[in-house]
């Protein structure tokens, strides 16, 4: 059904008399989608996000918010969007909060960002650039920054 809806959106986008429709919103939990638990069979296929990412960006958008405030900003954007399939990948478990609402909206509006608060050397050419998308990868990247700082105090890091 997802594939058919994506094809329909792509084809009907060029029909001048067709009115715009509300975007389809799908939510995926990365922890349970691939987990081998008793509830694993009731969740989406673990390859679903890979399948979605093979579609054109003019039809499908995938969002991986790192915290609750960015999730709220993404959800607001997706609820207002039209003529897309929006997939939001977010867990259901409590997680850390990194950005206040204003910073989260700015981060989501830009689509990508450099976080200045976890690193100390903003005005230098970095030795290492840490990149991540999503809640768990962000946690892991921040943990890696901390480990690098502890073991290599002179390294310049950008996140």
N, C-alpha and C. Protein backbone atom coordinates (compact mmCIF):
# COMPACT_ATOMS: atom_id res chain seq x y z
N UNK A 1 0.82 -1.18 0.00
CA UNK A 1 0.00 0.00 0.00
C UNK A 1 0.87 1.25 0.00
N UNK A 2 1.96 1.22 0.75
CA UNK A 2 2.88 2.37 0.76
C UNK A 2 3.39 2.65 -0.66
N UNK A 3 3.85 1.60 -1.31
CA UNK A 3 4.41 1.74 -2.66
C UNK A 3 3.37 2.30 -3.63
N UNK A 4 2.15 1.81 -3.56
CA UNK A 4 1.09 2.29 -4.44
C UNK A 4 0.77 3.76 -4.17
N UNK A 5 0.73 4.14 -2.90
CA UNK A 5 0.44 5.53 -2.57
C UNK A 5 1.56 6.45 -3.08
N UNK A 6 2.81 6.02 -2.94
CA UNK A 6 3.95 6.80 -3.44
C UNK A 6 3.86 6.98 -4.96
N UNK A 7 3.53 5.90 -5.66
CA UNK A 7 3.37 6.00 -7.12
C UNK A 7 2.23 6.93 -7.48
N UNK A 8 1.12 6.83 -6.76
CA UNK A 8 -0.04 7.68 -7.03
C UNK A 8 0.32 9.15 -6.83
N UNK A 9 1.03 9.47 -5.72
CA UNK A 9 1.45 10.85 -5.47
C UNK A 9 2.35 11.37 -6.59
N UNK A 10 3.27 10.54 -7.02
CA UNK A 10 4.20 10.95 -8.07
C UNK A 10 3.46 11.25 -9.37
N UNK A 11 2.56 10.39 -9.76
CA UNK A 11 1.83 10.55 -11.03
C UNK A 11 0.84 11.71 -10.96
N UNK A 12 0.08 11.81 -9.88
CA UNK A 12 -0.97 12.83 -9.80
C UNK A 12 -0.44 14.23 -9.53
N UNK A 13 0.81 14.33 -9.16
CA UNK A 13 1.42 15.64 -8.92
C UNK A 13 1.38 16.51 -10.18
N UNK A 14 1.37 15.89 -11.33
CA UNK A 14 1.41 16.61 -12.61
C UNK A 14 0.03 16.78 -13.26
N UNK A 15 -1.01 16.44 -12.54
CA UNK A 15 -2.37 16.63 -13.05
C UNK A 15 -2.87 17.97 -12.50
N UNK A 16 -3.09 18.96 -13.37
CA UNK A 16 -3.39 20.31 -12.90
C UNK A 16 -4.70 20.45 -12.12
N UNK A 17 -5.69 19.62 -12.38
CA UNK A 17 -6.98 19.78 -11.71
C UNK A 17 -7.05 19.06 -10.36
N UNK A 18 -6.05 18.21 -10.07
CA UNK A 18 -6.09 17.49 -8.78
C UNK A 18 -5.71 18.42 -7.65
N UNK A 19 -6.55 18.46 -6.63
CA UNK A 19 -6.27 19.28 -5.47
C UNK A 19 -5.20 18.64 -4.59
N UNK A 20 -4.53 19.47 -3.86
CA UNK A 20 -3.54 19.02 -2.89
C UNK A 20 -4.23 18.24 -1.78
N UNK A 21 -3.56 17.19 -1.27
CA UNK A 21 -4.14 16.40 -0.17
C UNK A 21 -3.19 16.42 1.02
N UNK A 22 -3.72 16.14 2.18
CA UNK A 22 -2.89 16.05 3.38
C UNK A 22 -1.88 14.92 3.20
N UNK A 23 -0.67 15.14 3.68
CA UNK A 23 0.37 14.12 3.58
C UNK A 23 0.04 12.91 4.44
N UNK A 24 0.49 11.76 3.99
CA UNK A 24 0.39 10.54 4.78
C UNK A 24 1.51 10.58 5.81
N UNK A 25 1.19 10.30 7.07
CA UNK A 25 2.19 10.29 8.13
C UNK A 25 2.33 8.88 8.68
N UNK A 26 3.56 8.39 8.71
CA UNK A 26 3.84 7.07 9.27
C UNK A 26 4.86 7.23 10.38
N UNK A 27 4.69 6.46 11.43
CA UNK A 27 5.60 6.51 12.56
C UNK A 27 6.25 5.14 12.72
N UNK A 28 7.57 5.12 12.95
CA UNK A 28 8.29 3.87 13.13
C UNK A 28 9.15 3.97 14.38
N UNK A 29 9.18 2.92 15.18
CA UNK A 29 10.03 2.85 16.37
C UNK A 29 11.23 1.98 16.01
N UNK A 30 12.43 2.56 15.97
CA UNK A 30 13.61 1.79 15.55
C UNK A 30 13.97 0.66 16.49
N UNK A 31 13.61 0.77 17.78
CA UNK A 31 14.01 -0.27 18.73
C UNK A 31 13.16 -1.52 18.61
N UNK A 32 11.89 -1.36 18.31
CA UNK A 32 11.02 -2.54 18.26
C UNK A 32 10.85 -3.06 16.84
N UNK A 33 11.16 -2.26 15.84
CA UNK A 33 10.92 -2.71 14.48
C UNK A 33 11.82 -3.87 14.09
N UNK A 34 13.02 -3.93 14.65
CA UNK A 34 13.92 -5.01 14.30
C UNK A 34 14.21 -5.95 15.46
N UNK A 35 13.60 -5.70 16.58
CA UNK A 35 13.89 -6.49 17.78
C UNK A 35 13.30 -7.89 17.67
N UNK A 36 13.96 -8.81 18.28
CA UNK A 36 13.45 -10.18 18.32
C UNK A 36 12.77 -10.40 19.67
N UNK A 37 11.62 -9.79 19.80
CA UNK A 37 10.85 -9.91 21.03
C UNK A 37 9.53 -10.58 20.72
N UNK A 38 8.74 -10.77 21.74
CA UNK A 38 7.44 -11.40 21.52
C UNK A 38 6.52 -10.51 20.71
N UNK A 39 6.78 -9.19 20.70
CA UNK A 39 5.94 -8.28 19.92
C UNK A 39 6.52 -7.95 18.56
N UNK A 40 7.66 -8.54 18.22
CA UNK A 40 8.33 -8.18 16.96
C UNK A 40 7.45 -8.43 15.74
N UNK A 41 6.62 -9.45 15.78
CA UNK A 41 5.81 -9.75 14.61
C UNK A 41 4.67 -8.76 14.41
N UNK A 42 4.35 -7.99 15.43
CA UNK A 42 3.28 -7.01 15.29
C UNK A 42 3.78 -5.67 14.79
N UNK A 43 5.09 -5.51 14.65
CA UNK A 43 5.67 -4.24 14.21
C UNK A 43 6.07 -4.32 12.74
N UNK A 44 6.40 -3.16 12.19
CA UNK A 44 6.76 -3.07 10.79
C UNK A 44 8.02 -3.87 10.50
N UNK A 45 8.21 -4.16 9.24
CA UNK A 45 9.38 -4.88 8.78
C UNK A 45 10.63 -4.04 9.06
N UNK A 46 11.72 -4.64 9.56
CA UNK A 46 12.92 -3.85 9.87
C UNK A 46 13.53 -3.20 8.64
N UNK A 47 13.22 -3.68 7.46
CA UNK A 47 13.75 -3.09 6.23
C UNK A 47 12.88 -1.98 5.68
N UNK A 48 11.86 -1.59 6.41
CA UNK A 48 10.92 -0.60 5.90
C UNK A 48 11.58 0.75 5.62
N UNK A 49 12.41 1.22 6.53
CA UNK A 49 13.05 2.52 6.34
C UNK A 49 13.97 2.48 5.12
N UNK A 50 14.69 1.38 4.93
CA UNK A 50 15.53 1.23 3.75
C UNK A 50 14.68 1.28 2.49
N UNK A 51 13.54 0.61 2.51
CA UNK A 51 12.61 0.61 1.38
C UNK A 51 12.12 2.02 1.09
N UNK A 52 11.77 2.77 2.12
CA UNK A 52 11.27 4.14 1.98
C UNK A 52 12.36 5.03 1.39
N UNK A 53 13.60 4.88 1.85
CA UNK A 53 14.68 5.74 1.41
C UNK A 53 15.02 5.55 -0.08
N UNK A 54 14.53 4.50 -0.69
CA UNK A 54 14.76 4.29 -2.12
C UNK A 54 13.79 5.07 -2.99
N UNK A 55 12.83 5.74 -2.39
CA UNK A 55 11.87 6.56 -3.14
C UNK A 55 12.44 7.97 -3.32
N UNK A 56 11.89 8.69 -4.29
CA UNK A 56 12.35 10.04 -4.57
C UNK A 56 11.95 11.00 -3.44
N UNK A 57 12.81 11.99 -3.17
CA UNK A 57 12.58 12.95 -2.10
C UNK A 57 11.41 13.89 -2.41
N UNK A 58 10.99 13.97 -3.65
CA UNK A 58 9.84 14.83 -3.94
C UNK A 58 8.52 14.18 -3.56
N UNK A 59 8.56 12.92 -3.13
CA UNK A 59 7.37 12.21 -2.68
C UNK A 59 7.48 11.78 -1.22
N UNK A 60 8.65 11.31 -0.81
CA UNK A 60 8.83 10.72 0.52
C UNK A 60 9.86 11.51 1.32
N UNK A 61 9.58 11.73 2.58
CA UNK A 61 10.51 12.38 3.51
C UNK A 61 10.64 11.49 4.74
N UNK A 62 11.87 11.33 5.23
CA UNK A 62 12.13 10.54 6.43
C UNK A 62 12.77 11.46 7.46
N UNK A 63 12.24 11.43 8.67
CA UNK A 63 12.71 12.29 9.76
C UNK A 63 13.20 11.42 10.91
N UNK A 64 14.38 11.76 11.44
CA UNK A 64 14.98 11.03 12.56
C UNK A 64 15.33 12.03 13.67
N UNK A 65 14.33 12.51 14.40
CA UNK A 65 14.59 13.53 15.42
C UNK A 65 15.40 12.97 16.59
N UNK A 66 16.38 13.77 17.09
CA UNK A 66 17.23 13.29 18.18
C UNK A 66 16.61 13.38 19.57
N UNK A 67 15.57 14.21 19.74
CA UNK A 67 14.96 14.34 21.07
C UNK A 67 13.50 14.75 20.94
N UNK A 68 12.85 14.95 22.07
CA UNK A 68 11.41 15.23 22.09
C UNK A 68 11.06 16.56 21.43
N UNK A 69 11.83 17.60 21.69
CA UNK A 69 11.50 18.89 21.09
C UNK A 69 11.65 18.88 19.57
N UNK A 70 12.67 18.20 19.07
CA UNK A 70 12.78 18.09 17.61
C UNK A 70 11.67 17.20 17.07
N UNK A 71 11.26 16.19 17.82
CA UNK A 71 10.11 15.37 17.41
C UNK A 71 8.85 16.23 17.31
N UNK A 72 8.63 17.11 18.28
CA UNK A 72 7.47 18.00 18.24
C UNK A 72 7.52 18.92 17.03
N UNK A 73 8.70 19.46 16.74
CA UNK A 73 8.85 20.34 15.58
C UNK A 73 8.61 19.57 14.28
N UNK A 74 9.17 18.38 14.19
CA UNK A 74 8.96 17.54 13.00
C UNK A 74 7.49 17.17 12.84
N UNK A 75 6.85 16.77 13.93
CA UNK A 75 5.43 16.40 13.87
C UNK A 75 4.58 17.58 13.41
N UNK A 76 4.86 18.77 13.92
CA UNK A 76 4.14 19.96 13.50
C UNK A 76 4.31 20.19 12.00
N UNK A 77 5.53 20.08 11.53
CA UNK A 77 5.82 20.25 10.10
C UNK A 77 5.07 19.21 9.26
N UNK A 78 5.13 17.95 9.69
CA UNK A 78 4.49 16.87 8.93
C UNK A 78 2.97 17.01 8.91
N UNK A 79 2.39 17.45 10.01
CA UNK A 79 0.93 17.64 10.06
C UNK A 79 0.48 18.75 9.11
N UNK A 80 1.34 19.71 8.88
CA UNK A 80 0.99 20.82 7.99
C UNK A 80 1.32 20.54 6.52
N UNK A 81 2.15 19.55 6.26
CA UNK A 81 2.61 19.31 4.89
C UNK A 81 1.51 18.68 4.04
N UNK A 82 1.68 18.80 2.74
CA UNK A 82 0.71 18.28 1.80
C UNK A 82 1.44 17.54 0.69
N UNK A 83 0.81 16.48 0.20
CA UNK A 83 1.29 15.73 -0.97
C UNK A 83 2.64 15.03 -0.77
N UNK A 84 2.90 14.57 0.43
CA UNK A 84 4.10 13.78 0.72
C UNK A 84 3.71 12.53 1.51
N UNK A 85 4.66 11.63 1.62
CA UNK A 85 4.60 10.57 2.61
C UNK A 85 5.71 10.89 3.60
N UNK A 86 5.36 11.17 4.83
CA UNK A 86 6.32 11.51 5.88
C UNK A 86 6.48 10.32 6.82
N UNK A 87 7.71 9.89 7.00
CA UNK A 87 8.01 8.80 7.94
C UNK A 87 8.83 9.39 9.08
N UNK A 88 8.30 9.30 10.29
CA UNK A 88 8.98 9.80 11.48
C UNK A 88 9.49 8.59 12.26
N UNK A 89 10.79 8.53 12.47
CA UNK A 89 11.40 7.43 13.21
C UNK A 89 11.74 7.93 14.61
N UNK A 90 11.00 7.45 15.59
CA UNK A 90 11.20 7.89 16.97
C UNK A 90 10.79 6.77 17.93
N UNK A 91 11.55 6.62 18.99
CA UNK A 91 11.26 5.60 19.98
C UNK A 91 10.12 5.99 20.90
N UNK A 92 9.63 5.01 21.62
CA UNK A 92 8.53 5.24 22.57
C UNK A 92 9.03 5.34 24.01
N UNK A 93 10.30 5.07 24.22
CA UNK A 93 10.86 5.07 25.57
C UNK A 93 11.37 6.46 25.94
N UNK A 94 11.40 6.78 27.23
CA UNK A 94 11.96 8.07 27.66
C UNK A 94 13.42 8.19 27.19
N UNK A 95 13.80 9.39 26.80
CA UNK A 95 15.16 9.62 26.31
C UNK A 95 15.63 11.00 26.78
N UNK A 96 16.89 11.28 26.55
CA UNK A 96 17.46 12.56 26.94
C UNK A 96 16.92 13.69 26.07
N UNK A 97 16.92 14.90 26.63
CA UNK A 97 16.48 16.10 25.92
C UNK A 97 17.72 16.96 25.70
N UNK A 98 18.03 17.26 24.43
CA UNK A 98 19.24 18.01 24.10
C UNK A 98 18.98 19.48 23.77
N UNK A 99 17.89 19.76 23.08
CA UNK A 99 17.63 21.11 22.58
C UNK A 99 16.36 21.68 23.21
N UNK A 100 16.40 22.98 23.55
CA UNK A 100 15.15 23.62 23.96
C UNK A 100 14.28 23.80 22.71
N UNK A 101 13.04 24.22 22.90
CA UNK A 101 12.10 24.25 21.76
C UNK A 101 12.58 25.18 20.66
N UNK A 102 13.08 26.35 21.03
CA UNK A 102 13.54 27.31 20.03
C UNK A 102 14.71 26.74 19.21
N UNK A 103 15.66 26.13 19.88
CA UNK A 103 16.80 25.52 19.19
C UNK A 103 16.36 24.33 18.33
N UNK A 104 15.39 23.57 18.81
CA UNK A 104 14.88 22.43 18.05
C UNK A 104 14.20 22.89 16.76
N UNK A 105 13.41 23.94 16.84
CA UNK A 105 12.74 24.46 15.65
C UNK A 105 13.78 24.96 14.64
N UNK A 106 14.80 25.67 15.13
CA UNK A 106 15.85 26.15 14.24
C UNK A 106 16.59 24.97 13.59
N UNK A 107 16.92 23.96 14.40
CA UNK A 107 17.62 22.78 13.89
C UNK A 107 16.79 22.09 12.80
N UNK A 108 15.50 21.92 13.05
CA UNK A 108 14.63 21.24 12.08
C UNK A 108 14.41 22.10 10.83
N UNK A 109 14.31 23.39 11.00
CA UNK A 109 14.12 24.29 9.86
C UNK A 109 15.34 24.24 8.94
N UNK A 110 16.52 24.19 9.54
CA UNK A 110 17.75 24.12 8.74
C UNK A 110 17.93 22.74 8.11
N UNK A 111 17.39 21.71 8.74
CA UNK A 111 17.52 20.35 8.22
C UNK A 111 18.79 19.64 8.64
N UNK A 112 19.75 20.41 9.10
CA UNK A 112 21.02 19.87 9.56
C UNK A 112 21.64 20.94 10.46
N UNK A 113 22.48 20.54 11.36
CA UNK A 113 23.05 21.55 12.22
C UNK A 113 24.34 21.11 12.86
N UNK A 114 25.08 22.10 13.32
CA UNK A 114 26.28 21.85 14.11
C UNK A 114 25.94 22.26 15.53
N UNK A 115 26.09 21.32 16.45
CA UNK A 115 25.79 21.61 17.85
C UNK A 115 27.06 22.16 18.50
N UNK A 116 26.98 23.37 19.02
CA UNK A 116 28.15 23.99 19.63
C UNK A 116 28.34 23.58 21.08
N UNK A 117 27.27 23.26 21.78
CA UNK A 117 27.37 23.01 23.22
C UNK A 117 28.16 21.78 23.63
N UNK A 118 28.23 20.68 22.84
CA UNK A 118 29.01 19.53 23.34
C UNK A 118 30.50 19.61 23.03
N UNK A 119 30.93 20.59 22.24
CA UNK A 119 32.34 20.67 21.87
C UNK A 119 32.91 22.03 22.27
N UNK A 120 34.21 22.07 22.49
CA UNK A 120 34.83 23.26 23.06
C UNK A 120 35.53 24.14 22.03
N UNK A 121 35.89 23.61 20.89
CA UNK A 121 36.74 24.32 19.94
C UNK A 121 36.00 24.67 18.66
N UNK A 122 35.07 25.59 18.75
CA UNK A 122 34.22 25.94 17.61
C UNK A 122 34.94 26.72 16.52
N UNK A 123 35.97 27.49 16.88
CA UNK A 123 36.61 28.36 15.90
C UNK A 123 37.83 27.74 15.25
N UNK A 124 38.04 26.44 15.43
CA UNK A 124 39.20 25.76 14.87
C UNK A 124 38.75 24.79 13.77
N UNK A 125 39.69 24.47 12.91
CA UNK A 125 39.45 23.42 11.92
C UNK A 125 39.41 22.09 12.68
N UNK A 126 38.31 21.31 12.55
CA UNK A 126 38.20 20.08 13.36
C UNK A 126 39.12 18.96 12.85
N UNK A 127 39.55 18.13 13.78
CA UNK A 127 40.26 16.90 13.45
C UNK A 127 39.26 15.79 13.15
N UNK A 128 38.12 15.84 13.86
CA UNK A 128 37.08 14.81 13.74
C UNK A 128 35.73 15.49 13.64
N UNK A 129 34.91 15.01 12.72
CA UNK A 129 33.52 15.48 12.62
C UNK A 129 32.63 14.29 12.95
N UNK A 130 31.81 14.43 13.99
CA UNK A 130 30.87 13.39 14.38
C UNK A 130 29.52 13.73 13.76
N UNK A 131 28.93 12.79 13.05
CA UNK A 131 27.63 13.00 12.42
C UNK A 131 26.66 11.91 12.86
N UNK A 132 25.41 12.28 13.05
CA UNK A 132 24.42 11.30 13.49
C UNK A 132 23.03 11.78 13.11
N UNK A 133 22.09 10.87 13.14
CA UNK A 133 20.68 11.17 12.90
C UNK A 133 19.85 10.22 13.74
N UNK A 134 18.92 10.76 14.52
CA UNK A 134 18.08 9.93 15.36
C UNK A 134 18.47 10.00 16.82
N UNK A 135 17.61 9.46 17.67
CA UNK A 135 17.83 9.57 19.11
C UNK A 135 18.98 8.72 19.63
N UNK A 136 19.02 7.46 19.31
CA UNK A 136 20.09 6.59 19.80
C UNK A 136 21.43 6.93 19.16
N UNK A 137 21.52 7.15 17.84
CA UNK A 137 22.80 7.57 17.27
C UNK A 137 23.33 8.88 17.87
N UNK A 138 22.45 9.81 18.21
CA UNK A 138 22.88 11.06 18.84
C UNK A 138 23.48 10.78 20.21
N UNK A 139 22.83 9.93 20.98
CA UNK A 139 23.36 9.55 22.29
C UNK A 139 24.74 8.91 22.14
N UNK A 140 24.89 8.03 21.17
CA UNK A 140 26.17 7.35 20.94
C UNK A 140 27.24 8.33 20.47
N UNK A 141 26.88 9.28 19.61
CA UNK A 141 27.85 10.28 19.14
C UNK A 141 28.33 11.15 20.29
N UNK A 142 27.40 11.55 21.16
CA UNK A 142 27.78 12.35 22.32
C UNK A 142 28.68 11.57 23.28
N UNK A 143 28.39 10.29 23.43
CA UNK A 143 29.24 9.43 24.27
C UNK A 143 30.64 9.30 23.64
N UNK A 144 30.69 9.19 22.32
CA UNK A 144 31.98 9.10 21.63
C UNK A 144 32.78 10.40 21.79
N UNK A 145 32.10 11.55 21.72
CA UNK A 145 32.76 12.85 21.95
C UNK A 145 33.36 12.87 23.35
N UNK A 146 32.61 12.41 24.33
CA UNK A 146 33.09 12.38 25.71
C UNK A 146 34.32 11.48 25.83
N UNK A 147 34.27 10.29 25.24
CA UNK A 147 35.42 9.37 25.30
C UNK A 147 36.65 9.97 24.60
N UNK A 148 36.44 10.59 23.45
CA UNK A 148 37.56 11.22 22.75
C UNK A 148 38.18 12.33 23.59
N UNK A 149 37.33 13.13 24.22
CA UNK A 149 37.82 14.22 25.09
C UNK A 149 38.64 13.66 26.27
N UNK A 150 38.18 12.56 26.85
CA UNK A 150 38.88 11.97 28.00
C UNK A 150 40.24 11.39 27.59
N UNK A 151 40.31 10.80 26.40
CA UNK A 151 41.52 10.08 26.00
C UNK A 151 42.45 10.87 25.08
N UNK A 152 41.93 11.88 24.41
CA UNK A 152 42.73 12.69 23.49
C UNK A 152 42.34 14.15 23.70
N UNK A 153 42.86 14.74 24.75
CA UNK A 153 42.42 16.08 25.15
C UNK A 153 42.71 17.17 24.12
N UNK A 154 43.66 16.96 23.23
CA UNK A 154 44.00 18.00 22.26
C UNK A 154 43.24 17.87 20.94
N UNK A 155 42.39 16.87 20.82
CA UNK A 155 41.67 16.66 19.55
C UNK A 155 40.55 17.71 19.41
N UNK A 156 40.38 18.19 18.18
CA UNK A 156 39.34 19.18 17.88
C UNK A 156 38.17 18.45 17.24
N UNK A 157 36.99 18.58 17.86
CA UNK A 157 35.81 17.80 17.44
C UNK A 157 34.69 18.74 17.03
N UNK A 158 33.96 18.36 16.00
CA UNK A 158 32.76 19.06 15.58
C UNK A 158 31.62 18.05 15.59
N UNK A 159 30.45 18.46 16.09
CA UNK A 159 29.28 17.55 16.14
C UNK A 159 28.11 18.26 15.49
